[in-house]
Amino acid sequence: MPICFSYDDLSRATENFSSKIGKGGFGSVFKDLAVKKLEGIDQGLKEFRAEVRTIGCIHHVHLVKLKGFCAEGAHRLLVYEFMGKGSLDKWICKNSEASKILDWNTRFNIALGTAKGLAYLHEECEVKIVHCDIKPENVLLDDNFVAKVSDFGLAKLMSREESRVYTILRGTRGYLAPEWIRNNPISEKSDVYSYGLMLLEIIGGRKNYDPGESSEKAHFPSYACKMLEEGKPEEILDSRLEFDQNDGRIVDAIKVALWCVQDKMYLRPPMT
């Protein structure tokens, strides 16, 4: 079981929650310690502790480790290991303030590491865990740029017997699979769709929808599909990177990304 902290302990450690460094689908994150203050979670103490116990047993090199929690009165907080390089979104977009451009090797390893973390959640845990909010902001990087999936602490838990399940709308606009929009049941393949969109952003160094681009390039998945069909993968890769025609990983990554973002759930590959 992760450590149980008092609310006063975490309040002091985060200077009374004054230094917010991020906000996710379920709450805010504060610096010094990676403390997530959950908001909008209507969950009893018993249910919250049960989920913390489940997540606390999960250990993988590509998942951010849950160190502790607080369940005091109405307060629900999660304490994660701190990741020195922050979230992936700060490193791949062209208008980011990152100190350097991530090279292709680093990007490929980040994509692979993220996939390994998700595959573990989907297929190797005692309960199947659907993350429900895969996006660059929820992939954190340590000091060596090793990727770790974060923010899965209150994702959707499914039994191994369940293939699909109905749940309230979660996730982030721009990364949601079509079944979310249509109020259909979701599965781990919903994470696969979101992963495919994120992978395209890693490859292209841009958002999947950019109204500042020409009409042909504004919707990146459509443009990437067209360029791949025309045999121009170099047009998809971030223009700041050098395109090596002998590096088959570039085309492979593009193909995997487009495989993941198919409309029909059953056509998408499993995360493994």
C-alpha atoms as a PDB file:
ATOM      1  CA  MET A   1       0.000   0.000   0.000  1.00  0.00           C
ATOM      2  CA  PRO A   2       1.383   3.485  -0.835  1.00  0.00           C
ATOM      3  CA  ILE A   3       2.091   5.832   2.088  1.00  0.00           C
ATOM      4  CA  CYS A   4      -0.908   7.597   3.614  1.00  0.00           C
ATOM      5  CA  PHE A   5      -0.091  11.317   4.027  1.00  0.00           C
ATOM      6  CA  SER A   6      -2.050  13.845   6.042  1.00  0.00           C
ATOM      7  CA  TYR A   7      -3.549  16.820   4.236  1.00  0.00           C
ATOM      8  CA  ASP A   8      -1.378  19.165   6.342  1.00  0.00           C
ATOM      9  CA  ASP A   9       1.781  17.294   5.245  1.00  0.00           C
ATOM     10  CA  LEU A  10       0.977  17.782   1.566  1.00  0.00           C
ATOM     11  CA  SER A  11      -0.195  21.339   2.082  1.00  0.00           C
ATOM     12  CA  ARG A  12       3.179  22.244   3.647  1.00  0.00           C
ATOM     13  CA  ALA A  13       5.137  20.376   0.968  1.00  0.00           C
ATOM     14  CA  THR A  14       3.397  22.304  -1.828  1.00  0.00           C
ATOM     15  CA  GLU A  15       3.403  25.677  -0.019  1.00  0.00           C
ATOM     16  CA  ASN A  16      -0.354  25.451   0.503  1.00  0.00           C
ATOM     17  CA  PHE A  17      -0.898  24.301  -3.115  1.00  0.00           C
ATOM     18  CA  SER A  18       0.311  27.669  -4.411  1.00  0.00           C
ATOM     19  CA  SER A  19       2.623  26.486  -7.214  1.00  0.00           C
ATOM     20  CA  LYS A  20       0.442  24.815  -9.809  1.00  0.00           C
ATOM     21  CA  ILE A  21       2.413  23.325 -12.729  1.00  0.00           C
ATOM     22  CA  GLY A  22      -0.335  21.507 -14.578  1.00  0.00           C
ATOM     23  CA  LYS A  23      -3.989  20.565 -14.740  1.00  0.00           C
ATOM     24  CA  GLY A  24      -5.400  17.273 -15.995  1.00  0.00           C
ATOM     25  CA  GLY A  25      -8.808  15.751 -16.490  1.00  0.00           C
ATOM     26  CA  PHE A  26      -9.256  14.995 -12.778  1.00  0.00           C
ATOM     27  CA  GLY A  27      -7.299  17.702 -10.982  1.00  0.00           C
ATOM     28  CA  SER A  28      -4.234  19.884 -10.583  1.00  0.00           C
ATOM     29  CA  VAL A  29      -0.522  19.074 -10.179  1.00  0.00           C
ATOM     30  CA  PHE A  30       1.841  21.074  -7.947  1.00  0.00           C
ATOM     31  CA  LYS A  31       5.626  21.426  -8.016  1.00  0.00           C
ATOM     32  CA  ASP A  32       8.329  20.185  -5.615  1.00  0.00           C
ATOM     33  CA  LEU A  33       6.358  16.978  -5.069  1.00  0.00           C
ATOM     34  CA  ALA A  34       4.216  15.635  -7.897  1.00  0.00           C
ATOM     35  CA  VAL A  35       1.040  15.983  -5.862  1.00  0.00           C
ATOM     36  CA  LYS A  36      -2.237  15.697  -7.722  1.00  0.00           C
ATOM     37  CA  LYS A  37      -5.252  17.254  -6.029  1.00  0.00           C
ATOM     38  CA  LEU A  38      -8.296  15.464  -7.397  1.00  0.00           C
ATOM     39  CA  GLU A  39     -11.310  17.570  -8.295  1.00  0.00           C
ATOM     40  CA  GLY A  40     -14.777  16.510  -9.341  1.00  0.00           C
ATOM     41  CA  ILE A  41     -14.341  12.968  -8.005  1.00  0.00           C
ATOM     42  CA  ASP A  42     -17.493  11.789  -6.263  1.00  0.00           C
ATOM     43  CA  GLN A  43     -16.067   8.702  -4.611  1.00  0.00           C
ATOM     44  CA  GLY A  44     -16.305   7.267  -1.107  1.00  0.00           C
ATOM     45  CA  LEU A  45     -13.312   6.568   1.099  1.00  0.00           C
ATOM     46  CA  LYS A  46     -13.588   2.792   0.727  1.00  0.00           C
ATOM     47  CA  GLU A  47     -13.714   2.934  -3.097  1.00  0.00           C
ATOM     48  CA  PHE A  48     -10.857   5.454  -3.270  1.00  0.00           C
ATOM     49  CA  ARG A  49      -8.617   3.334  -1.016  1.00  0.00           C
ATOM     50  CA  ALA A  50      -9.424   0.228  -3.082  1.00  0.00           C
ATOM     51  CA  GLU A  51      -8.322   1.956  -6.294  1.00  0.00           C
ATOM     52  CA  VAL A  52      -5.183   3.344  -4.637  1.00  0.00           C
ATOM     53  CA  ARG A  53      -4.333  -0.169  -3.455  1.00  0.00           C
ATOM     54  CA  THR A  54      -4.759  -1.505  -7.006  1.00  0.00           C
ATOM     55  CA  ILE A  55      -2.643   1.243  -8.585  1.00  0.00           C
ATOM     56  CA  GLY A  56      -0.044   0.991  -5.802  1.00  0.00           C
ATOM     57  CA  CYS A  57       0.655  -2.627  -6.760  1.00  0.00           C
ATOM     58  CA  ILE A  58       1.483  -1.660 -10.347  1.00  0.00           C
ATOM     59  CA  HIS A  59       5.177  -1.242 -11.069  1.00  0.00           C
ATOM     60  CA  HIS A  60       6.638  -0.789 -14.538  1.00  0.00           C
ATOM     61  CA  VAL A  61       9.605   1.169 -15.826  1.00  0.00           C
ATOM     62  CA  HIS A  62       7.312   3.136 -18.164  1.00  0.00           C
ATOM     63  CA  LEU A  63       4.615   4.026 -15.618  1.00  0.00           C
ATOM     64  CA  VAL A  64       4.953   6.885 -13.135  1.00  0.00           C
ATOM     65  CA  LYS A  65       5.096   5.362  -9.658  1.00  0.00           C
ATOM     66  CA  LEU A  66       2.407   6.195  -7.124  1.00  0.00           C
ATOM     67  CA  LYS A  67       4.229   7.031  -3.878  1.00  0.00           C
ATOM     68  CA  GLY A  68       1.339   7.893  -1.622  1.00  0.00           C
ATOM     69  CA  PHE A  69      -2.123   9.359  -1.170  1.00  0.00           C
ATOM     70  CA  CYS A  70      -4.348  11.408   1.104  1.00  0.00           C
ATOM     71  CA  ALA A  71      -7.968  10.568   1.872  1.00  0.00           C
ATOM     72  CA  GLU A  72      -8.866  12.941   4.677  1.00  0.00           C
ATOM     73  CA  GLY A  73     -12.419  14.217   4.884  1.00  0.00           C
ATOM     74  CA  ALA A  74     -13.411  15.401   1.418  1.00  0.00           C
ATOM     75  CA  HIS A  75      -9.760  15.659   0.277  1.00  0.00           C
ATOM     76  CA  ARG A  76      -8.484  13.189  -2.347  1.00  0.00           C
ATOM     77  CA  LEU A  77      -4.817  13.547  -3.341  1.00  0.00           C
ATOM     78  CA  LEU A  78      -2.281  11.331  -5.103  1.00  0.00           C
ATOM     79  CA  VAL A  79       1.501  11.652  -4.722  1.00  0.00           C
ATOM     80  CA  TYR A  80       3.635  10.525  -7.657  1.00  0.00           C
ATOM     81  CA  GLU A  81       7.381  10.349  -8.274  1.00  0.00           C
ATOM     82  CA  PHE A  82       8.711  13.642  -9.634  1.00  0.00           C
ATOM     83  CA  MET A  83       9.800  13.644 -13.307  1.00  0.00           C
ATOM     84  CA  GLY A  84      12.596  16.105 -13.992  1.00  0.00           C
ATOM     85  CA  LYS A  85      11.995  16.890 -17.674  1.00  0.00           C
ATOM     86  CA  GLY A  86       8.271  17.446 -17.330  1.00  0.00           C
ATOM     87  CA  SER A  87       5.641  16.460 -19.858  1.00  0.00           C
ATOM     88  CA  LEU A  88       6.191  15.455 -23.471  1.00  0.00           C
ATOM     89  CA  ASP A  89       4.090  18.289 -24.933  1.00  0.00           C
ATOM     90  CA  LYS A  90       6.724  20.803 -23.827  1.00  0.00           C
ATOM     91  CA  TRP A  91       9.343  19.084 -25.987  1.00  0.00           C
ATOM     92  CA  ILE A  92       7.711  18.248 -29.315  1.00  0.00           C
ATOM     93  CA  CYS A  93       5.662  21.263 -30.430  1.00  0.00           C
ATOM     94  CA  LYS A  94       7.413  23.842 -32.599  1.00  0.00           C
ATOM     95  CA  ASN A  95       6.278  26.777 -30.455  1.00  0.00           C
ATOM     96  CA  SER A  96       7.402  25.165 -27.201  1.00  0.00           C
ATOM     97  CA  GLU A  97       9.914  26.771 -24.850  1.00  0.00           C
ATOM     98  CA  ALA A  98      12.028  23.607 -24.556  1.00  0.00           C
ATOM     99  CA  SER A  99      15.772  24.104 -24.379  1.00  0.00           C
ATOM    100  CA  LYS A 100      16.448  21.710 -27.253  1.00  0.00           C
ATOM    101  CA  ILE A 101      14.794  19.824 -30.098  1.00  0.00           C
ATOM    102  CA  LEU A 102      14.342  16.137 -29.397  1.00  0.00           C
ATOM    103  CA  ASP A 103      16.153  14.064 -32.032  1.00  0.00           C
ATOM    104  CA  TRP A 104      14.479  11.166 -33.816  1.00  0.00           C
ATOM    105  CA  ASN A 105      16.113   8.462 -31.678  1.00  0.00           C
ATOM    106  CA  THR A 106      14.804  10.082 -28.506  1.00  0.00           C
ATOM    107  CA  ARG A 107      11.324  10.520 -29.984  1.00  0.00           C
ATOM    108  CA  PHE A 108      11.187   6.914 -31.158  1.00  0.00           C
ATOM    109  CA  ASN A 109      12.255   5.643 -27.726  1.00  0.00           C
ATOM    110  CA  ILE A 110       9.612   7.841 -26.066  1.00  0.00           C
ATOM    111  CA  ALA A 111       6.933   6.429 -28.394  1.00  0.00           C
ATOM    112  CA  LEU A 112       8.100   2.866 -27.728  1.00  0.00           C
ATOM    113  CA  GLY A 113       8.296   3.375 -23.973  1.00  0.00           C
ATOM    114  CA  THR A 114       4.804   4.857 -23.859  1.00  0.00           C
ATOM    115  CA  ALA A 115       3.486   1.872 -25.829  1.00  0.00           C
ATOM    116  CA  LYS A 116       5.135  -0.543 -23.378  1.00  0.00           C
ATOM    117  CA  GLY A 117       3.556   1.235 -20.414  1.00  0.00           C
ATOM    118  CA  LEU A 118       0.101   1.122 -22.003  1.00  0.00           C
ATOM    119  CA  ALA A 119       0.503  -2.524 -23.035  1.00  0.00           C
ATOM    120  CA  TYR A 120       1.244  -3.350 -19.397  1.00  0.00           C
ATOM    121  CA  LEU A 121      -1.912  -1.559 -18.217  1.00  0.00           C
ATOM    122  CA  HIS A 122      -4.038  -3.269 -20.863  1.00  0.00           C
ATOM    123  CA  GLU A 123      -2.718  -6.806 -20.767  1.00  0.00           C
ATOM    124  CA  GLU A 124      -0.420  -7.586 -17.842  1.00  0.00           C
ATOM    125  CA  CYS A 125      -2.182  -6.194 -14.763  1.00  0.00           C
ATOM    126  CA  GLU A 126      -4.527  -8.284 -12.656  1.00  0.00           C
ATOM    127  CA  VAL A 127      -7.305  -5.915 -13.730  1.00  0.00           C
ATOM    128  CA  LYS A 128      -7.388  -4.349 -17.178  1.00  0.00           C
ATOM    129  CA  ILE A 129      -6.786  -0.605 -16.917  1.00  0.00           C
ATOM    130  CA  VAL A 130      -8.001   1.716 -19.655  1.00  0.00           C
ATOM    131  CA  HIS A 131      -6.220   5.039 -19.235  1.00  0.00           C
ATOM    132  CA  CYS A 132      -8.927   7.153 -20.936  1.00  0.00           C
ATOM    133  CA  ASP A 133      -6.763  10.268 -21.362  1.00  0.00           C
ATOM    134  CA  ILE A 134      -3.675   9.521 -23.453  1.00  0.00           C
ATOM    135  CA  LYS A 135      -2.059  12.737 -24.689  1.00  0.00           C
ATOM    136  CA  PRO A 136       1.453  14.315 -24.630  1.00  0.00           C
ATOM    137  CA  GLU A 137       0.654  16.107 -21.352  1.00  0.00           C
ATOM    138  CA  ASN A 138       0.216  12.726 -19.644  1.00  0.00           C
ATOM    139  CA  VAL A 139       3.529  11.286 -20.802  1.00  0.00           C
ATOM    140  CA  LEU A 140       6.255  12.452 -18.437  1.00  0.00           C
ATOM    141  CA  LEU A 141      10.014  12.349 -19.008  1.00  0.00           C
ATOM    142  CA  ASP A 142      12.718  11.680 -16.447  1.00  0.00           C
ATOM    143  CA  ASP A 143      16.155  13.310 -16.501  1.00  0.00           C
ATOM    144  CA  ASN A 144      17.281  10.828 -19.201  1.00  0.00           C
ATOM    145  CA  PHE A 145      14.157  11.361 -21.337  1.00  0.00           C
ATOM    146  CA  VAL A 146      12.735   7.958 -20.436  1.00  0.00           C
ATOM    147  CA  ALA A 147       8.973   8.143 -20.976  1.00  0.00           C
ATOM    148  CA  LYS A 148       6.503   7.196 -18.243  1.00  0.00           C
ATOM    149  CA  VAL A 149       2.728   7.212 -18.557  1.00  0.00           C
ATOM    150  CA  SER A 150       1.083   9.266 -15.814  1.00  0.00           C
ATOM    151  CA  ASP A 151      -2.398  10.121 -14.615  1.00  0.00           C
ATOM    152  CA  PHE A 152      -3.746   6.570 -14.729  1.00  0.00           C
ATOM    153  CA  GLY A 153      -4.605   6.550 -11.016  1.00  0.00           C
ATOM    154  CA  LEU A 154      -8.332   6.934 -11.524  1.00  0.00           C
ATOM    155  CA  ALA A 155      -8.710   5.527 -15.013  1.00  0.00           C
ATOM    156  CA  LYS A 156     -11.317   2.912 -15.887  1.00  0.00           C
ATOM    157  CA  LEU A 157     -10.701  -0.472 -14.256  1.00  0.00           C
ATOM    158  CA  MET A 158     -12.147  -3.444 -16.175  1.00  0.00           C
ATOM    159  CA  SER A 159     -12.263  -7.119 -15.350  1.00  0.00           C
ATOM    160  CA  ARG A 160     -10.474  -9.492 -17.705  1.00  0.00           C
ATOM    161  CA  GLU A 161     -13.878 -10.831 -18.760  1.00  0.00           C
ATOM    162  CA  GLU A 162     -15.065  -7.428 -20.016  1.00  0.00           C
ATOM    163  CA  SER A 163     -14.304  -6.529 -23.625  1.00  0.00           C
ATOM    164  CA  ARG A 164     -16.119  -3.185 -23.670  1.00  0.00           C
ATOM    165  CA  VAL A 165     -17.740  -1.033 -21.021  1.00  0.00           C
ATOM    166  CA  TYR A 166     -19.901   2.094 -20.797  1.00  0.00           C
ATOM    167  CA  THR A 167     -18.507   4.970 -18.738  1.00  0.00           C
ATOM    168  CA  ILE A 168     -18.929   8.712 -18.329  1.00  0.00           C
ATOM    169  CA  LEU A 169     -17.116  10.865 -20.877  1.00  0.00           C
ATOM    170  CA  ARG A 170     -13.461  11.279 -19.911  1.00  0.00           C
ATOM    171  CA  GLY A 171     -10.392  12.407 -21.765  1.00  0.00           C
ATOM    172  CA  THR A 172      -9.367  15.486 -23.715  1.00  0.00           C
ATOM    173  CA  ARG A 173     -10.897  17.022 -26.822  1.00  0.00           C
ATOM    174  CA  GLY A 174      -8.666  16.322 -29.815  1.00  0.00           C
ATOM    175  CA  TYR A 175      -7.561  12.893 -28.556  1.00  0.00           C
ATOM    176  CA  LEU A 176     -10.933  11.178 -28.051  1.00  0.00           C
ATOM    177  CA  ALA A 177     -11.753   8.053 -30.041  1.00  0.00           C
ATOM    178  CA  PRO A 178     -14.995   8.157 -32.096  1.00  0.00           C
ATOM    179  CA  GLU A 179     -16.795   5.801 -29.707  1.00  0.00           C
ATOM    180  CA  TRP A 180     -16.537   8.406 -26.947  1.00  0.00           C
ATOM    181  CA  ILE A 181     -18.272  10.995 -29.128  1.00  0.00           C
ATOM    182  CA  ARG A 182     -21.042   8.572 -30.096  1.00  0.00           C
ATOM    183  CA  ASN A 183     -21.659   7.433 -26.502  1.00  0.00           C
ATOM    184  CA  ASN A 184     -20.740   3.862 -27.433  1.00  0.00           C
ATOM    185  CA  PRO A 185     -18.933   1.492 -25.046  1.00  0.00           C
ATOM    186  CA  ILE A 186     -15.172   1.958 -24.846  1.00  0.00           C
ATOM    187  CA  SER A 187     -12.290  -0.489 -24.459  1.00  0.00           C
ATOM    188  CA  GLU A 188      -8.504  -0.478 -24.396  1.00  0.00           C
ATOM    189  CA  LYS A 189      -8.749   0.183 -28.161  1.00  0.00           C
ATOM    190  CA  SER A 190      -9.954   3.679 -27.214  1.00  0.00           C
ATOM    191  CA  ASP A 191      -6.510   4.264 -25.681  1.00  0.00           C
ATOM    192  CA  VAL A 192      -4.948   2.884 -28.870  1.00  0.00           C
ATOM    193  CA  TYR A 193      -6.732   5.563 -30.924  1.00  0.00           C
ATOM    194  CA  SER A 194      -5.492   8.336 -28.625  1.00  0.00           C
ATOM    195  CA  TYR A 195      -1.986   6.862 -28.722  1.00  0.00           C
ATOM    196  CA  GLY A 196      -2.035   6.963 -32.544  1.00  0.00           C
ATOM    197  CA  LEU A 197      -2.885  10.667 -32.511  1.00  0.00           C
ATOM    198  CA  MET A 198      -0.128  11.345 -29.989  1.00  0.00           C
ATOM    199  CA  LEU A 199       2.358   9.323 -32.051  1.00  0.00           C
ATOM    200  CA  LEU A 200       1.584  11.504 -35.088  1.00  0.00           C
ATOM    201  CA  GLU A 201       2.350  14.571 -32.975  1.00  0.00           C
ATOM    202  CA  ILE A 202       5.653  13.042 -31.860  1.00  0.00           C
ATOM    203  CA  ILE A 203       6.571  12.329 -35.489  1.00  0.00           C
ATOM    204  CA  GLY A 204       5.401  15.635 -36.913  1.00  0.00           C
ATOM    205  CA  GLY A 205       6.297  17.977 -34.049  1.00  0.00           C
ATOM    206  CA  ARG A 206       2.892  19.652 -34.321  1.00  0.00           C
ATOM    207  CA  LYS A 207      -0.702  19.411 -33.118  1.00  0.00           C
ATOM    208  CA  ASN A 208      -3.074  17.152 -35.016  1.00  0.00           C
ATOM    209  CA  TYR A 209      -5.254  20.123 -35.844  1.00  0.00           C
ATOM    210  CA  ASP A 210      -3.650  23.470 -36.596  1.00  0.00           C
ATOM    211  CA  PRO A 211      -5.887  26.159 -38.136  1.00  0.00           C
ATOM    212  CA  GLY A 212      -2.767  28.182 -38.905  1.00  0.00           C
ATOM    213  CA  GLU A 213      -1.699  25.653 -41.540  1.00  0.00           C
ATOM    214  CA  SER A 214      -3.015  25.493 -45.120  1.00  0.00           C
ATOM    215  CA  SER A 215      -6.348  23.718 -45.634  1.00  0.00           C
ATOM    216  CA  GLU A 216      -4.499  20.601 -46.849  1.00  0.00           C
ATOM    217  CA  LYS A 217      -2.243  20.445 -43.786  1.00  0.00           C
ATOM    218  CA  ALA A 218      -4.630  21.673 -41.059  1.00  0.00           C
ATOM    219  CA  HIS A 219      -5.868  18.171 -40.153  1.00  0.00           C
ATOM    220  CA  PHE A 220      -2.586  16.325 -39.717  1.00  0.00           C
ATOM    221  CA  PRO A 221      -3.854  12.689 -39.761  1.00  0.00           C
ATOM    222  CA  SER A 222      -5.513  13.230 -43.164  1.00  0.00           C
ATOM    223  CA  TYR A 223      -2.422  14.970 -44.514  1.00  0.00           C
ATOM    224  CA  ALA A 224      -0.121  12.228 -43.173  1.00  0.00           C
ATOM    225  CA  CYS A 225      -2.263   9.543 -44.823  1.00  0.00           C
ATOM    226  CA  LYS A 226      -2.144  11.391 -48.160  1.00  0.00           C
ATOM    227  CA  MET A 227       1.628  11.926 -48.009  1.00  0.00           C
ATOM    228  CA  LEU A 228       2.259   8.271 -47.133  1.00  0.00           C
ATOM    229  CA  GLU A 229       0.114   7.122 -50.063  1.00  0.00           C
ATOM    230  CA  GLU A 230       2.119   9.437 -52.344  1.00  0.00           C
ATOM    231  CA  GLY A 231       5.403   8.039 -51.019  1.00  0.00           C
ATOM    232  CA  LYS A 232       6.477  11.274 -49.290  1.00  0.00           C
ATOM    233  CA  PRO A 233       7.042  10.333 -45.638  1.00  0.00           C
ATOM    234  CA  GLU A 234       9.590  13.130 -45.286  1.00  0.00           C
ATOM    235  CA  GLU A 235       6.684  15.602 -45.558  1.00  0.00           C
ATOM    236  CA  ILE A 236       5.189  14.099 -42.392  1.00  0.00           C
ATOM    237  CA  LEU A 237       8.345  14.175 -40.254  1.00  0.00           C
ATOM    238  CA  ASP A 238       9.080  17.294 -38.185  1.00  0.00           C
ATOM    239  CA  SER A 239      10.903  19.644 -40.583  1.00  0.00           C
ATOM    240  CA  ARG A 240      13.486  20.386 -37.874  1.00  0.00           C
ATOM    241  CA  LEU A 241      14.693  16.771 -38.059  1.00  0.00           C
ATOM    242  CA  GLU A 242      16.922  15.201 -40.684  1.00  0.00           C
ATOM    243  CA  PHE A 243      15.121  12.555 -42.763  1.00  0.00           C
ATOM    244  CA  ASP A 244      17.207   9.402 -43.152  1.00  0.00           C
ATOM    245  CA  GLN A 245      15.806   7.224 -45.944  1.00  0.00           C
ATOM    246  CA  ASN A 246      17.652   4.225 -44.522  1.00  0.00           C
ATOM    247  CA  ASP A 247      15.893   4.498 -41.164  1.00  0.00           C
ATOM    248  CA  GLY A 248      12.839   2.286 -41.590  1.00  0.00           C
ATOM    249  CA  ARG A 249      11.564   3.228 -38.142  1.00  0.00           C
ATOM    250  CA  ILE A 250      10.197   6.522 -39.497  1.00  0.00           C
ATOM    251  CA  VAL A 251       7.835   4.921 -42.017  1.00  0.00           C
ATOM    252  CA  ASP A 252       7.008   2.128 -39.554  1.00  0.00           C
ATOM    253  CA  ALA A 253       6.006   4.687 -36.915  1.00  0.00           C
ATOM    254  CA  ILE A 254       3.820   6.580 -39.404  1.00  0.00           C
ATOM    255  CA  LYS A 255       2.099   3.347 -40.470  1.00  0.00           C
ATOM    256  CA  VAL A 256       1.486   2.312 -36.855  1.00  0.00           C
ATOM    257  CA  ALA A 257       0.042   5.747 -36.020  1.00  0.00           C
ATOM    258  CA  LEU A 258      -2.397   5.598 -38.950  1.00  0.00           C
ATOM    259  CA  TRP A 259      -3.278   1.980 -38.085  1.00  0.00           C
ATOM    260  CA  CYS A 260      -4.214   3.120 -34.570  1.00  0.00           C
ATOM    261  CA  VAL A 261      -6.518   5.983 -35.626  1.00  0.00           C
ATOM    262  CA  GLN A 262      -8.956   3.953 -37.700  1.00  0.00           C
ATOM    263  CA  ASP A 263     -12.595   4.743 -37.050  1.00  0.00           C
ATOM    264  CA  LYS A 264     -13.685   1.161 -36.384  1.00  0.00           C
ATOM    265  CA  MET A 265     -12.419  -0.103 -33.037  1.00  0.00           C
ATOM    266  CA  TYR A 266     -11.842  -3.705 -34.175  1.00  0.00           C
ATOM    267  CA  LEU A 267      -9.464  -2.586 -36.938  1.00  0.00           C
ATOM    268  CA  ARG A 268      -7.038  -0.973 -34.490  1.00  0.00           C
ATOM    269  CA  PRO A 269      -4.147  -3.105 -33.240  1.00  0.00           C
ATOM    270  CA  PRO A 270      -3.686  -4.096 -29.591  1.00  0.00           C
ATOM    271  CA  MET A 271      -1.089  -2.032 -27.779  1.00  0.00           C
ATOM    272  CA  THR A 272       1.421  -4.909 -27.774  1.00  0.00           C
END
